[in-house]
């Protein structure tokens, strides 16, 4: 049986993870719904509280920091009110950030309206156009001196324009030029699967796996078929498919697949759980853990955050408590 070290907090502390990707702002409007509008058959929500958090690649960096690691973030945002607030939050979270504000872009803003902790509505403002050649060059030049000083690099692709064939070509060339390149982990988008060739690990969820392969993912055999197709199409070394209530399926290779049952004790909100998973895996790998235990660690971390409302994070104490007090999931060999 695989076990996790009890000195997790010490092992993860100050491990360095570099994040590049689509940075966005998550806004939550909390209130109460006590009546139906006379104008349309919709609830009237009386707003009581507003909170804003780093989203997308910013939330990945936030998760790394919360778990005790050190995060460096590279991305781009718009020269607007949301972009200014985003930079304020990066400073507040003490994230080593390189996120310039571009006058030609719009900061991605996701606004969620909740009543009694139930999400009622989500509003998105975004402009997912690709980076300009100048913006792309600036990001790659920023990444160059940072990459060799980090043990893991997370590419957080939310499909908002940063990832493109030319950017990925530049990133691969950069990593190939290093004597000690970081491990490349990718939170992927289905439409970009062919761009991640050479990645150490991809972390799609079940829906993304189905969309990328155009295959069903309802049963164990269908998940195996879709995962093997993803490995072949992407050229990645390993694949971690998050399965929701079923846990995770780790494809060490096409012929070696492990299912890690979920560790979650309660589920209130799955927002940002994928960010927690890839952050915890990256920190585990940066701490020298083999891939399978690092994924088990991420399974516990995800169990912590889905029990919270909003785009939440897990602390070292919460993670250690989960690992030491929750039942240890029995790994299941799928192939």
C-alpha atoms as a PDB file:
ATOM      1  CA  UNK A   1       0.000   0.000   0.000  1.00  0.00           C
ATOM      2  CA  UNK A   2       1.298   3.447  -0.928  1.00  0.00           C
ATOM      3  CA  UNK A   3       1.701   5.793   2.048  1.00  0.00           C
ATOM      4  CA  UNK A   4       2.532   9.472   2.336  1.00  0.00           C
ATOM      5  CA  UNK A   5       5.297  10.902   4.549  1.00  0.00           C
ATOM      6  CA  UNK A   6       4.076  12.475   7.771  1.00  0.00           C
ATOM      7  CA  UNK A   7       6.478  15.432   7.435  1.00  0.00           C
ATOM      8  CA  UNK A   8       4.588  16.753   4.398  1.00  0.00           C
ATOM      9  CA  UNK A   9       4.505  20.341   5.605  1.00  0.00           C
ATOM     10  CA  UNK A  10       8.288  20.384   5.977  1.00  0.00           C
ATOM     11  CA  UNK A  11       8.907  18.676   2.630  1.00  0.00           C
ATOM     12  CA  UNK A  12       6.711  21.084   0.670  1.00  0.00           C
ATOM     13  CA  UNK A  13       7.895  24.238   2.400  1.00  0.00           C
ATOM     14  CA  UNK A  14       9.625  26.746   0.086  1.00  0.00           C
ATOM     15  CA  UNK A  15       9.663  24.398  -2.902  1.00  0.00           C
ATOM     16  CA  UNK A  16       9.603  26.507  -6.050  1.00  0.00           C
ATOM     17  CA  UNK A  17       6.949  26.258  -8.744  1.00  0.00           C
ATOM     18  CA  UNK A  18       6.778  28.497 -11.811  1.00  0.00           C
ATOM     19  CA  UNK A  19       3.318  29.133 -13.279  1.00  0.00           C
ATOM     20  CA  UNK A  20       2.566  30.578 -16.708  1.00  0.00           C
ATOM     21  CA  UNK A  21      -0.903  30.894 -18.160  1.00  0.00           C
ATOM     22  CA  UNK A  22      -4.210  32.683 -18.348  1.00  0.00           C
ATOM     23  CA  UNK A  23      -4.589  34.934 -15.299  1.00  0.00           C
ATOM     24  CA  UNK A  24      -8.101  36.012 -14.359  1.00  0.00           C
ATOM     25  CA  UNK A  25     -10.183  37.483 -11.561  1.00  0.00           C
ATOM     26  CA  UNK A  26     -12.866  35.497  -9.709  1.00  0.00           C
ATOM     27  CA  UNK A  27     -15.575  37.656  -8.148  1.00  0.00           C
ATOM     28  CA  UNK A  28     -18.187  36.312  -5.709  1.00  0.00           C
ATOM     29  CA  UNK A  29     -21.375  38.204  -4.840  1.00  0.00           C
ATOM     30  CA  UNK A  30     -23.107  36.760  -1.767  1.00  0.00           C
ATOM     31  CA  UNK A  31     -26.671  37.473  -0.735  1.00  0.00           C
ATOM     32  CA  UNK A  32     -30.079  36.075   0.016  1.00  0.00           C
ATOM     33  CA  UNK A  33     -33.047  35.291  -2.232  1.00  0.00           C
ATOM     34  CA  UNK A  34     -36.398  35.757  -0.521  1.00  0.00           C
ATOM     35  CA  UNK A  35     -38.751  36.565  -3.388  1.00  0.00           C
ATOM     36  CA  UNK A  36     -39.341  36.265  -7.121  1.00  0.00           C
ATOM     37  CA  UNK A  37     -39.002  39.301  -9.345  1.00  0.00           C
ATOM     38  CA  UNK A  38     -42.276  40.803 -10.640  1.00  0.00           C
ATOM     39  CA  UNK A  39     -40.433  41.567 -13.907  1.00  0.00           C
ATOM     40  CA  UNK A  40     -39.490  37.966 -14.784  1.00  0.00           C
ATOM     41  CA  UNK A  41     -39.643  34.505 -13.141  1.00  0.00           C
ATOM     42  CA  UNK A  42     -36.217  34.869 -11.522  1.00  0.00           C
ATOM     43  CA  UNK A  43     -35.162  35.276  -7.866  1.00  0.00           C
ATOM     44  CA  UNK A  44     -34.341  38.710  -6.527  1.00  0.00           C
ATOM     45  CA  UNK A  45     -31.021  38.496  -4.671  1.00  0.00           C
ATOM     46  CA  UNK A  46     -30.264  41.056  -2.005  1.00  0.00           C
ATOM     47  CA  UNK A  47     -26.482  41.433  -2.103  1.00  0.00           C
ATOM     48  CA  UNK A  48     -24.749  41.407   1.265  1.00  0.00           C
ATOM     49  CA  UNK A  49     -21.070  40.755   0.570  1.00  0.00           C
ATOM     50  CA  UNK A  50     -18.548  40.862  -2.264  1.00  0.00           C
ATOM     51  CA  UNK A  51     -15.208  39.062  -2.472  1.00  0.00           C
ATOM     52  CA  UNK A  52     -12.583  38.884  -5.202  1.00  0.00           C
ATOM     53  CA  UNK A  53      -9.891  36.228  -5.648  1.00  0.00           C
ATOM     54  CA  UNK A  54      -7.115  35.407  -8.068  1.00  0.00           C
ATOM     55  CA  UNK A  55      -8.448  33.053 -10.732  1.00  0.00           C
ATOM     56  CA  UNK A  56      -7.034  30.844 -13.467  1.00  0.00           C
ATOM     57  CA  UNK A  57      -3.231  30.726 -13.352  1.00  0.00           C
ATOM     58  CA  UNK A  58      -3.416  33.194 -10.451  1.00  0.00           C
ATOM     59  CA  UNK A  59      -5.377  30.691  -8.400  1.00  0.00           C
ATOM     60  CA  UNK A  60      -2.770  28.022  -9.165  1.00  0.00           C
ATOM     61  CA  UNK A  61      -0.091  30.340  -7.758  1.00  0.00           C
ATOM     62  CA  UNK A  62      -2.332  31.040  -4.767  1.00  0.00           C
ATOM     63  CA  UNK A  63      -2.666  27.300  -4.114  1.00  0.00           C
ATOM     64  CA  UNK A  64       1.099  26.777  -4.283  1.00  0.00           C
ATOM     65  CA  UNK A  65       1.641  29.560  -1.751  1.00  0.00           C
ATOM     66  CA  UNK A  66      -1.116  28.303   0.558  1.00  0.00           C
ATOM     67  CA  UNK A  67       0.470  24.835   0.659  1.00  0.00           C
ATOM     68  CA  UNK A  68       3.768  26.332   1.795  1.00  0.00           C
ATOM     69  CA  UNK A  69       5.563  26.540  -1.541  1.00  0.00           C
ATOM     70  CA  UNK A  70       6.999  29.526  -3.395  1.00  0.00           C
ATOM     71  CA  UNK A  71       5.191  30.586  -6.559  1.00  0.00           C
ATOM     72  CA  UNK A  72       6.383  32.689  -9.470  1.00  0.00           C
ATOM     73  CA  UNK A  73       3.653  33.726 -11.909  1.00  0.00           C
ATOM     74  CA  UNK A  74       4.002  34.880 -15.518  1.00  0.00           C
ATOM     75  CA  UNK A  75       0.982  36.079 -17.486  1.00  0.00           C
ATOM     76  CA  UNK A  76      -0.739  39.138 -18.876  1.00  0.00           C
ATOM     77  CA  UNK A  77      -3.906  41.073 -18.029  1.00  0.00           C
ATOM     78  CA  UNK A  78      -5.843  44.020 -19.360  1.00  0.00           C
ATOM     79  CA  UNK A  79      -5.281  47.643 -18.472  1.00  0.00           C
ATOM     80  CA  UNK A  80      -8.636  47.985 -16.719  1.00  0.00           C
ATOM     81  CA  UNK A  81     -10.183  48.020 -13.249  1.00  0.00           C
ATOM     82  CA  UNK A  82     -10.161  44.219 -12.968  1.00  0.00           C
ATOM     83  CA  UNK A  83      -6.485  44.143 -13.976  1.00  0.00           C
ATOM     84  CA  UNK A  84      -5.583  46.691 -11.313  1.00  0.00           C
ATOM     85  CA  UNK A  85      -7.462  44.710  -8.661  1.00  0.00           C
ATOM     86  CA  UNK A  86      -5.735  41.547  -9.844  1.00  0.00           C
ATOM     87  CA  UNK A  87      -2.317  43.148  -9.342  1.00  0.00           C
ATOM     88  CA  UNK A  88      -3.345  44.314  -5.868  1.00  0.00           C
ATOM     89  CA  UNK A  89      -4.309  40.743  -4.971  1.00  0.00           C
ATOM     90  CA  UNK A  90      -1.013  39.373  -6.318  1.00  0.00           C
ATOM     91  CA  UNK A  91       0.851  41.785  -4.064  1.00  0.00           C
ATOM     92  CA  UNK A  92      -1.341  40.912  -1.083  1.00  0.00           C
ATOM     93  CA  UNK A  93      -0.700  37.181  -1.613  1.00  0.00           C
ATOM     94  CA  UNK A  94       3.085  37.849  -1.824  1.00  0.00           C
ATOM     95  CA  UNK A  95       3.297  36.056  -5.172  1.00  0.00           C
ATOM     96  CA  UNK A  96       6.415  36.773  -7.225  1.00  0.00           C
ATOM     97  CA  UNK A  97       4.423  37.971 -10.241  1.00  0.00           C
ATOM     98  CA  UNK A  98       5.266  39.224 -13.729  1.00  0.00           C
ATOM     99  CA  UNK A  99       1.798  40.188 -15.007  1.00  0.00           C
ATOM    100  CA  UNK A 100       1.951  43.390 -17.092  1.00  0.00           C
ATOM    101  CA  UNK A 101      -1.268  45.201 -17.960  1.00  0.00           C
ATOM    102  CA  UNK A 102      -1.798  45.505 -21.713  1.00  0.00           C
ATOM    103  CA  UNK A 103      -4.025  48.317 -23.078  1.00  0.00           C
ATOM    104  CA  UNK A 104      -5.075  46.008 -25.911  1.00  0.00           C
ATOM    105  CA  UNK A 105      -6.496  43.269 -23.715  1.00  0.00           C
ATOM    106  CA  UNK A 106      -9.475  42.745 -21.407  1.00  0.00           C
ATOM    107  CA  UNK A 107      -8.892  41.110 -18.030  1.00  0.00           C
ATOM    108  CA  UNK A 108     -10.924  37.910 -17.792  1.00  0.00           C
ATOM    109  CA  UNK A 109     -13.514  38.375 -15.042  1.00  0.00           C
ATOM    110  CA  UNK A 110     -15.823  35.610 -13.772  1.00  0.00           C
ATOM    111  CA  UNK A 111     -18.600  36.872 -11.514  1.00  0.00           C
ATOM    112  CA  UNK A 112     -20.556  34.296  -9.519  1.00  0.00           C
ATOM    113  CA  UNK A 113     -23.771  35.232  -7.703  1.00  0.00           C
ATOM    114  CA  UNK A 114     -24.609  33.046  -4.697  1.00  0.00           C
ATOM    115  CA  UNK A 115     -27.659  32.960  -2.445  1.00  0.00           C
ATOM    116  CA  UNK A 116     -27.406  30.907   0.755  1.00  0.00           C
ATOM    117  CA  UNK A 117     -24.212  29.307  -0.633  1.00  0.00           C
ATOM    118  CA  UNK A 118     -26.042  28.165  -3.783  1.00  0.00           C
ATOM    119  CA  UNK A 119     -24.642  29.500  -7.038  1.00  0.00           C
ATOM    120  CA  UNK A 120     -27.459  31.189  -8.939  1.00  0.00           C
ATOM    121  CA  UNK A 121     -25.660  32.778 -11.886  1.00  0.00           C
ATOM    122  CA  UNK A 122     -22.222  33.241 -13.456  1.00  0.00           C
ATOM    123  CA  UNK A 123     -21.274  36.192 -15.652  1.00  0.00           C
ATOM    124  CA  UNK A 124     -18.089  36.073 -17.759  1.00  0.00           C
ATOM    125  CA  UNK A 125     -16.258  38.998 -19.305  1.00  0.00           C
ATOM    126  CA  UNK A 126     -13.375  37.980 -21.553  1.00  0.00           C
ATOM    127  CA  UNK A 127     -11.557  38.480 -24.833  1.00  0.00           C
ATOM    128  CA  UNK A 128      -9.865  35.159 -25.685  1.00  0.00           C
ATOM    129  CA  UNK A 129      -7.836  36.462 -28.627  1.00  0.00           C
ATOM    130  CA  UNK A 130      -4.231  35.266 -28.943  1.00  0.00           C
ATOM    131  CA  UNK A 131      -1.342  37.360 -27.678  1.00  0.00           C
ATOM    132  CA  UNK A 132       0.284  39.780 -30.056  1.00  0.00           C
ATOM    133  CA  UNK A 133       3.814  38.839 -31.214  1.00  0.00           C
ATOM    134  CA  UNK A 134       5.197  41.540 -28.916  1.00  0.00           C
ATOM    135  CA  UNK A 135       3.246  40.238 -25.885  1.00  0.00           C
ATOM    136  CA  UNK A 136       4.372  36.691 -26.642  1.00  0.00           C
ATOM    137  CA  UNK A 137       8.019  37.739 -26.932  1.00  0.00           C
ATOM    138  CA  UNK A 138       7.784  39.635 -23.638  1.00  0.00           C
ATOM    139  CA  UNK A 139       6.416  36.597 -21.762  1.00  0.00           C
ATOM    140  CA  UNK A 140       9.031  34.210 -23.160  1.00  0.00           C
ATOM    141  CA  UNK A 141      11.821  36.655 -22.302  1.00  0.00           C
ATOM    142  CA  UNK A 142      10.405  36.907 -18.786  1.00  0.00           C
ATOM    143  CA  UNK A 143      10.272  33.116 -18.443  1.00  0.00           C
ATOM    144  CA  UNK A 144      13.838  32.522 -19.624  1.00  0.00           C
ATOM    145  CA  UNK A 145      15.751  33.585 -16.473  1.00  0.00           C
ATOM    146  CA  UNK A 146      13.120  32.060 -14.166  1.00  0.00           C
ATOM    147  CA  UNK A 147      12.729  28.557 -15.595  1.00  0.00           C
ATOM    148  CA  UNK A 148      16.056  27.086 -14.510  1.00  0.00           C
ATOM    149  CA  UNK A 149      15.524  28.184 -10.899  1.00  0.00           C
ATOM    150  CA  UNK A 150      12.302  26.184 -10.470  1.00  0.00           C
ATOM    151  CA  UNK A 151      11.768  22.445 -10.077  1.00  0.00           C
ATOM    152  CA  UNK A 152       8.349  22.419 -11.763  1.00  0.00           C
ATOM    153  CA  UNK A 153       6.589  24.596 -14.332  1.00  0.00           C
ATOM    154  CA  UNK A 154       2.785  24.610 -14.554  1.00  0.00           C
ATOM    155  CA  UNK A 155       1.166  25.709 -17.794  1.00  0.00           C
ATOM    156  CA  UNK A 156      -2.357  26.807 -16.848  1.00  0.00           C
ATOM    157  CA  UNK A 157      -4.317  26.876 -20.105  1.00  0.00           C
ATOM    158  CA  UNK A 158      -7.809  28.281 -19.695  1.00  0.00           C
ATOM    159  CA  UNK A 159      -8.230  28.913 -23.415  1.00  0.00           C
ATOM    160  CA  UNK A 160      -8.084  32.706 -22.978  1.00  0.00           C
ATOM    161  CA  UNK A 161      -5.420  33.360 -25.608  1.00  0.00           C
ATOM    162  CA  UNK A 162      -2.011  32.787 -24.046  1.00  0.00           C
ATOM    163  CA  UNK A 163      -1.430  29.264 -25.385  1.00  0.00           C
ATOM    164  CA  UNK A 164      -0.907  29.135 -29.148  1.00  0.00           C
ATOM    165  CA  UNK A 165       1.276  27.125 -31.565  1.00  0.00           C
ATOM    166  CA  UNK A 166       3.891  29.878 -31.660  1.00  0.00           C
ATOM    167  CA  UNK A 167       3.984  30.344 -27.869  1.00  0.00           C
ATOM    168  CA  UNK A 168       4.354  26.601 -27.292  1.00  0.00           C
ATOM    169  CA  UNK A 169       7.108  26.386 -29.898  1.00  0.00           C
ATOM    170  CA  UNK A 170       8.951  29.143 -28.055  1.00  0.00           C
ATOM    171  CA  UNK A 171       8.385  27.497 -24.666  1.00  0.00           C
ATOM    172  CA  UNK A 172       9.679  24.116 -25.869  1.00  0.00           C
ATOM    173  CA  UNK A 173      12.760  25.775 -27.349  1.00  0.00           C
ATOM    174  CA  UNK A 174      13.375  27.578 -24.073  1.00  0.00           C
ATOM    175  CA  UNK A 175      13.114  24.399 -21.990  1.00  0.00           C
ATOM    176  CA  UNK A 176      15.330  22.473 -24.413  1.00  0.00           C
ATOM    177  CA  UNK A 177      18.058  25.091 -23.986  1.00  0.00           C
ATOM    178  CA  UNK A 178      18.281  24.592 -20.216  1.00  0.00           C
ATOM    179  CA  UNK A 179      20.698  22.235 -18.500  1.00  0.00           C
ATOM    180  CA  UNK A 180      18.124  21.633 -15.734  1.00  0.00           C
ATOM    181  CA  UNK A 181      14.682  22.213 -17.221  1.00  0.00           C
ATOM    182  CA  UNK A 182      11.737  22.090 -14.805  1.00  0.00           C
ATOM    183  CA  UNK A 183       9.127  19.365 -15.153  1.00  0.00           C
ATOM    184  CA  UNK A 184       6.304  20.709 -17.349  1.00  0.00           C
ATOM    185  CA  UNK A 185       2.800  20.046 -16.006  1.00  0.00           C
ATOM    186  CA  UNK A 186      -0.191  21.187 -18.047  1.00  0.00           C
ATOM    187  CA  UNK A 187      -3.775  21.920 -17.048  1.00  0.00           C
ATOM    188  CA  UNK A 188      -5.034  21.501 -20.629  1.00  0.00           C
ATOM    189  CA  UNK A 189      -7.826  22.700 -22.910  1.00  0.00           C
ATOM    190  CA  UNK A 190      -9.358  20.099 -25.247  1.00  0.00           C
ATOM    191  CA  UNK A 191      -8.781  22.211 -28.369  1.00  0.00           C
ATOM    192  CA  UNK A 192      -5.061  22.553 -27.592  1.00  0.00           C
ATOM    193  CA  UNK A 193      -4.130  18.928 -26.818  1.00  0.00           C
ATOM    194  CA  UNK A 194      -1.830  18.640 -29.827  1.00  0.00           C
ATOM    195  CA  UNK A 195       0.242  21.571 -28.528  1.00  0.00           C
ATOM    196  CA  UNK A 196       1.486  19.907 -25.319  1.00  0.00           C
ATOM    197  CA  UNK A 197       4.008  17.506 -26.860  1.00  0.00           C
ATOM    198  CA  UNK A 198       6.801  16.677 -24.445  1.00  0.00           C
ATOM    199  CA  UNK A 199       4.922  17.628 -21.265  1.00  0.00           C
ATOM    200  CA  UNK A 200       5.675  15.535 -18.187  1.00  0.00           C
ATOM    201  CA  UNK A 201       2.020  15.428 -17.067  1.00  0.00           C
ATOM    202  CA  UNK A 202      -1.410  16.523 -18.283  1.00  0.00           C
ATOM    203  CA  UNK A 203      -4.284  16.913 -15.779  1.00  0.00           C
ATOM    204  CA  UNK A 204      -7.609  17.025 -17.692  1.00  0.00           C
ATOM    205  CA  UNK A 205     -10.927  16.317 -16.050  1.00  0.00           C
ATOM    206  CA  UNK A 206     -13.363  13.735 -17.361  1.00  0.00           C
ATOM    207  CA  UNK A 207     -15.328  16.208 -19.495  1.00  0.00           C
ATOM    208  CA  UNK A 208     -12.165  17.596 -21.095  1.00  0.00           C
ATOM    209  CA  UNK A 209     -10.916  14.083 -21.834  1.00  0.00           C
ATOM    210  CA  UNK A 210     -14.160  13.230 -23.613  1.00  0.00           C
ATOM    211  CA  UNK A 211     -14.166  16.479 -25.605  1.00  0.00           C
ATOM    212  CA  UNK A 212     -10.542  16.131 -26.650  1.00  0.00           C
ATOM    213  CA  UNK A 213     -10.864  12.552 -27.886  1.00  0.00           C
ATOM    214  CA  UNK A 214     -14.532  12.556 -29.001  1.00  0.00           C
ATOM    215  CA  UNK A 215     -14.881   9.347 -26.993  1.00  0.00           C
ATOM    216  CA  UNK A 216     -17.354   8.445 -24.216  1.00  0.00           C
ATOM    217  CA  UNK A 217     -16.014   8.322 -20.647  1.00  0.00           C
ATOM    218  CA  UNK A 218     -18.856   6.685 -18.731  1.00  0.00           C
ATOM    219  CA  UNK A 219     -17.216   3.411 -17.730  1.00  0.00           C
ATOM    220  CA  UNK A 220     -13.794   2.212 -16.667  1.00  0.00           C
ATOM    221  CA  UNK A 221     -13.052   0.755 -20.101  1.00  0.00           C
ATOM    222  CA  UNK A 222     -14.161   3.938 -21.844  1.00  0.00           C
ATOM    223  CA  UNK A 223     -11.976   6.064 -19.553  1.00  0.00           C
ATOM    224  CA  UNK A 224      -9.020   3.785 -20.287  1.00  0.00           C
ATOM    225  CA  UNK A 225      -9.590   4.101 -24.028  1.00  0.00           C
ATOM    226  CA  UNK A 226      -9.911   7.887 -23.862  1.00  0.00           C
ATOM    227  CA  UNK A 227      -6.832   8.225 -21.657  1.00  0.00           C
ATOM    228  CA  UNK A 228      -4.705   6.117 -23.977  1.00  0.00           C
ATOM    229  CA  UNK A 229      -5.901   8.156 -26.934  1.00  0.00           C
ATOM    230  CA  UNK A 230      -4.955  11.351 -25.085  1.00  0.00           C
ATOM    231  CA  UNK A 231      -1.468  10.046 -24.331  1.00  0.00           C
ATOM    232  CA  UNK A 232      -0.973   9.189 -27.982  1.00  0.00           C
ATOM    233  CA  UNK A 233      -2.376  12.474 -29.304  1.00  0.00           C
ATOM    234  CA  UNK A 234      -0.598  14.806 -26.892  1.00  0.00           C
ATOM    235  CA  UNK A 235       2.794  13.137 -26.699  1.00  0.00           C
ATOM    236  CA  UNK A 236       2.837  13.721 -22.930  1.00  0.00           C
ATOM    237  CA  UNK A 237       4.700  11.246 -20.700  1.00  0.00           C
ATOM    238  CA  UNK A 238       1.947  10.832 -18.096  1.00  0.00           C
ATOM    239  CA  UNK A 239      -1.736  11.643 -17.682  1.00  0.00           C
ATOM    240  CA  UNK A 240      -3.846  12.327 -14.577  1.00  0.00           C
ATOM    241  CA  UNK A 241      -7.587  12.357 -15.300  1.00  0.00           C
ATOM    242  CA  UNK A 242      -9.697  13.780 -12.480  1.00  0.00           C
ATOM    243  CA  UNK A 243     -12.935  11.782 -12.220  1.00  0.00           C
ATOM    244  CA  UNK A 244     -15.026  13.864  -9.816  1.00  0.00           C
ATOM    245  CA  UNK A 245     -16.638  11.621  -7.181  1.00  0.00           C
ATOM    246  CA  UNK A 246     -14.690   8.636  -8.537  1.00  0.00           C
ATOM    247  CA  UNK A 247     -11.329  10.197  -7.681  1.00  0.00           C
ATOM    248  CA  UNK A 248      -8.492  10.182 -10.212  1.00  0.00           C
ATOM    249  CA  UNK A 249      -7.025   7.905 -12.871  1.00  0.00           C
ATOM    250  CA  UNK A 250      -3.245   8.115 -13.201  1.00  0.00           C
ATOM    251  CA  UNK A 251      -1.840   6.847 -16.497  1.00  0.00           C
ATOM    252  CA  UNK A 252       1.806   6.174 -15.734  1.00  0.00           C
ATOM    253  CA  UNK A 253       1.844   4.733 -19.247  1.00  0.00           C
ATOM    254  CA  UNK A 254      -0.714   3.265 -21.637  1.00  0.00           C
ATOM    255  CA  UNK A 255      -0.276  -0.108 -19.925  1.00  0.00           C
ATOM    256  CA  UNK A 256      -0.054   1.052 -16.296  1.00  0.00           C
ATOM    257  CA  UNK A 257      -3.074   2.867 -14.896  1.00  0.00           C
ATOM    258  CA  UNK A 258      -4.019   3.432 -11.254  1.00  0.00           C
ATOM    259  CA  UNK A 259      -7.312   4.725  -9.904  1.00  0.00           C
ATOM    260  CA  UNK A 260      -7.049   6.794  -6.720  1.00  0.00           C
ATOM    261  CA  UNK A 261     -10.476   6.896  -5.019  1.00  0.00           C
ATOM    262  CA  UNK A 262     -11.605  10.322  -3.795  1.00  0.00           C
ATOM    263  CA  UNK A 263     -10.612  11.441  -0.319  1.00  0.00           C
ATOM    264  CA  UNK A 264     -13.292  14.132  -0.018  1.00  0.00           C
ATOM    265  CA  UNK A 265     -15.393  13.909   3.144  1.00  0.00           C
ATOM    266  CA  UNK A 266     -17.891  16.574   2.001  1.00  0.00           C
ATOM    267  CA  UNK A 267     -18.449  18.497  -1.231  1.00  0.00           C
ATOM    268  CA  UNK A 268     -19.811  22.063  -1.273  1.00  0.00           C
ATOM    269  CA  UNK A 269     -18.033  23.693  -4.233  1.00  0.00           C
ATOM    270  CA  UNK A 270     -15.712  22.221  -6.871  1.00  0.00           C
ATOM    271  CA  UNK A 271     -14.606  25.653  -8.181  1.00  0.00           C
ATOM    272  CA  UNK A 272     -10.840  25.671  -8.576  1.00  0.00           C
ATOM    273  CA  UNK A 273     -10.339  22.042  -7.477  1.00  0.00           C
ATOM    274  CA  UNK A 274      -8.355  21.331 -10.639  1.00  0.00           C
ATOM    275  CA  UNK A 275      -6.002  24.189  -9.737  1.00  0.00           C
ATOM    276  CA  UNK A 276      -5.453  22.609  -6.333  1.00  0.00           C
ATOM    277  CA  UNK A 277      -4.703  19.224  -7.895  1.00  0.00           C
ATOM    278  CA  UNK A 278      -2.012  20.437 -10.285  1.00  0.00           C
ATOM    279  CA  UNK A 279      -0.492  22.714  -7.618  1.00  0.00           C
ATOM    280  CA  UNK A 280      -0.175  19.878  -5.106  1.00  0.00           C
ATOM    281  CA  UNK A 281       1.241  17.463  -7.690  1.00  0.00           C
ATOM    282  CA  UNK A 282       3.827  20.042  -8.764  1.00  0.00           C
ATOM    283  CA  UNK A 283       4.867  20.726  -5.163  1.00  0.00           C
ATOM    284  CA  UNK A 284       5.104  17.007  -4.423  1.00  0.00           C
ATOM    285  CA  UNK A 285       7.327  16.456  -7.456  1.00  0.00           C
ATOM    286  CA  UNK A 286       9.437  19.508  -6.558  1.00  0.00           C
ATOM    287  CA  UNK A 287       9.895  17.950  -3.112  1.00  0.00           C
ATOM    288  CA  UNK A 288      11.256  14.773  -4.696  1.00  0.00           C
ATOM    289  CA  UNK A 289       8.159  12.594  -4.377  1.00  0.00           C
ATOM    290  CA  UNK A 290       7.490   9.965  -7.087  1.00  0.00           C
ATOM    291  CA  UNK A 291       4.513  10.710  -9.320  1.00  0.00           C
ATOM    292  CA  UNK A 292       2.002   8.302  -7.763  1.00  0.00           C
ATOM    293  CA  UNK A 293       2.445   9.553  -4.154  1.00  0.00           C
ATOM    294  CA  UNK A 294       2.389  13.147  -5.457  1.00  0.00           C
ATOM    295  CA  UNK A 295      -1.003  12.426  -7.048  1.00  0.00           C
ATOM    296  CA  UNK A 296      -2.257  10.847  -3.815  1.00  0.00           C
ATOM    297  CA  UNK A 297      -1.188  14.028  -2.040  1.00  0.00           C
ATOM    298  CA  UNK A 298      -3.165  16.078  -4.583  1.00  0.00           C
ATOM    299  CA  UNK A 299      -6.195  13.855  -3.971  1.00  0.00           C
ATOM    300  CA  UNK A 300      -6.170  14.788  -0.273  1.00  0.00           C
ATOM    301  CA  UNK A 301      -5.633  18.486  -1.066  1.00  0.00           C
ATOM    302  CA  UNK A 302      -8.608  18.461  -3.447  1.00  0.00           C
ATOM    303  CA  UNK A 303     -10.706  16.823  -0.729  1.00  0.00           C
ATOM    304  CA  UNK A 304      -9.929  19.758   1.551  1.00  0.00           C
ATOM    305  CA  UNK A 305     -10.870  22.507  -0.921  1.00  0.00           C
ATOM    306  CA  UNK A 306     -14.144  21.029  -2.207  1.00  0.00           C
ATOM    307  CA  UNK A 307     -15.462  21.169   1.356  1.00  0.00           C
ATOM    308  CA  UNK A 308     -15.200  24.981   1.203  1.00  0.00           C
ATOM    309  CA  UNK A 309     -17.280  27.547  -0.670  1.00  0.00           C
ATOM    310  CA  UNK A 310     -15.594  29.522  -3.420  1.00  0.00           C
ATOM    311  CA  UNK A 311     -12.209  29.269  -5.084  1.00  0.00           C
ATOM    312  CA  UNK A 312     -10.529  27.906  -1.958  1.00  0.00           C
ATOM    313  CA  UNK A 313      -7.069  26.664  -1.014  1.00  0.00           C
ATOM    314  CA  UNK A 314      -5.646  24.097   1.408  1.00  0.00           C
ATOM    315  CA  UNK A 315      -3.126  24.967   4.121  1.00  0.00           C
ATOM    316  CA  UNK A 316      -0.259  22.704   5.244  1.00  0.00           C
ATOM    317  CA  UNK A 317      -2.031  22.021   8.551  1.00  0.00           C
ATOM    318  CA  UNK A 318      -5.273  21.088   6.773  1.00  0.00           C
ATOM    319  CA  UNK A 319      -3.396  18.816   4.385  1.00  0.00           C
ATOM    320  CA  UNK A 320      -1.487  17.072   7.178  1.00  0.00           C
ATOM    321  CA  UNK A 321      -4.734  16.644   9.139  1.00  0.00           C
ATOM    322  CA  UNK A 322      -6.433  15.084   6.104  1.00  0.00           C
ATOM    323  CA  UNK A 323      -3.552  12.713   5.408  1.00  0.00           C
ATOM    324  CA  UNK A 324      -3.339  11.585   9.045  1.00  0.00           C
ATOM    325  CA  UNK A 325      -7.036  11.356   9.969  1.00  0.00           C
ATOM    326  CA  UNK A 326      -8.976  10.512   6.805  1.00  0.00           C
ATOM    327  CA  UNK A 327      -9.172   6.924   5.563  1.00  0.00           C
ATOM    328  CA  UNK A 328      -6.355   6.084   3.162  1.00  0.00           C
ATOM    329  CA  UNK A 329      -7.889   5.342  -0.264  1.00  0.00           C
ATOM    330  CA  UNK A 330      -7.143   1.852  -1.563  1.00  0.00           C
ATOM    331  CA  UNK A 331      -5.428   2.175  -4.932  1.00  0.00           C
ATOM    332  CA  UNK A 332      -7.036   0.171  -7.696  1.00  0.00           C
ATOM    333  CA  UNK A 333      -4.952  -1.179 -10.582  1.00  0.00           C
ATOM    334  CA  UNK A 334      -6.926  -0.540 -13.762  1.00  0.00           C
ATOM    335  CA  UNK A 335      -4.292  -1.723 -16.208  1.00  0.00           C
END
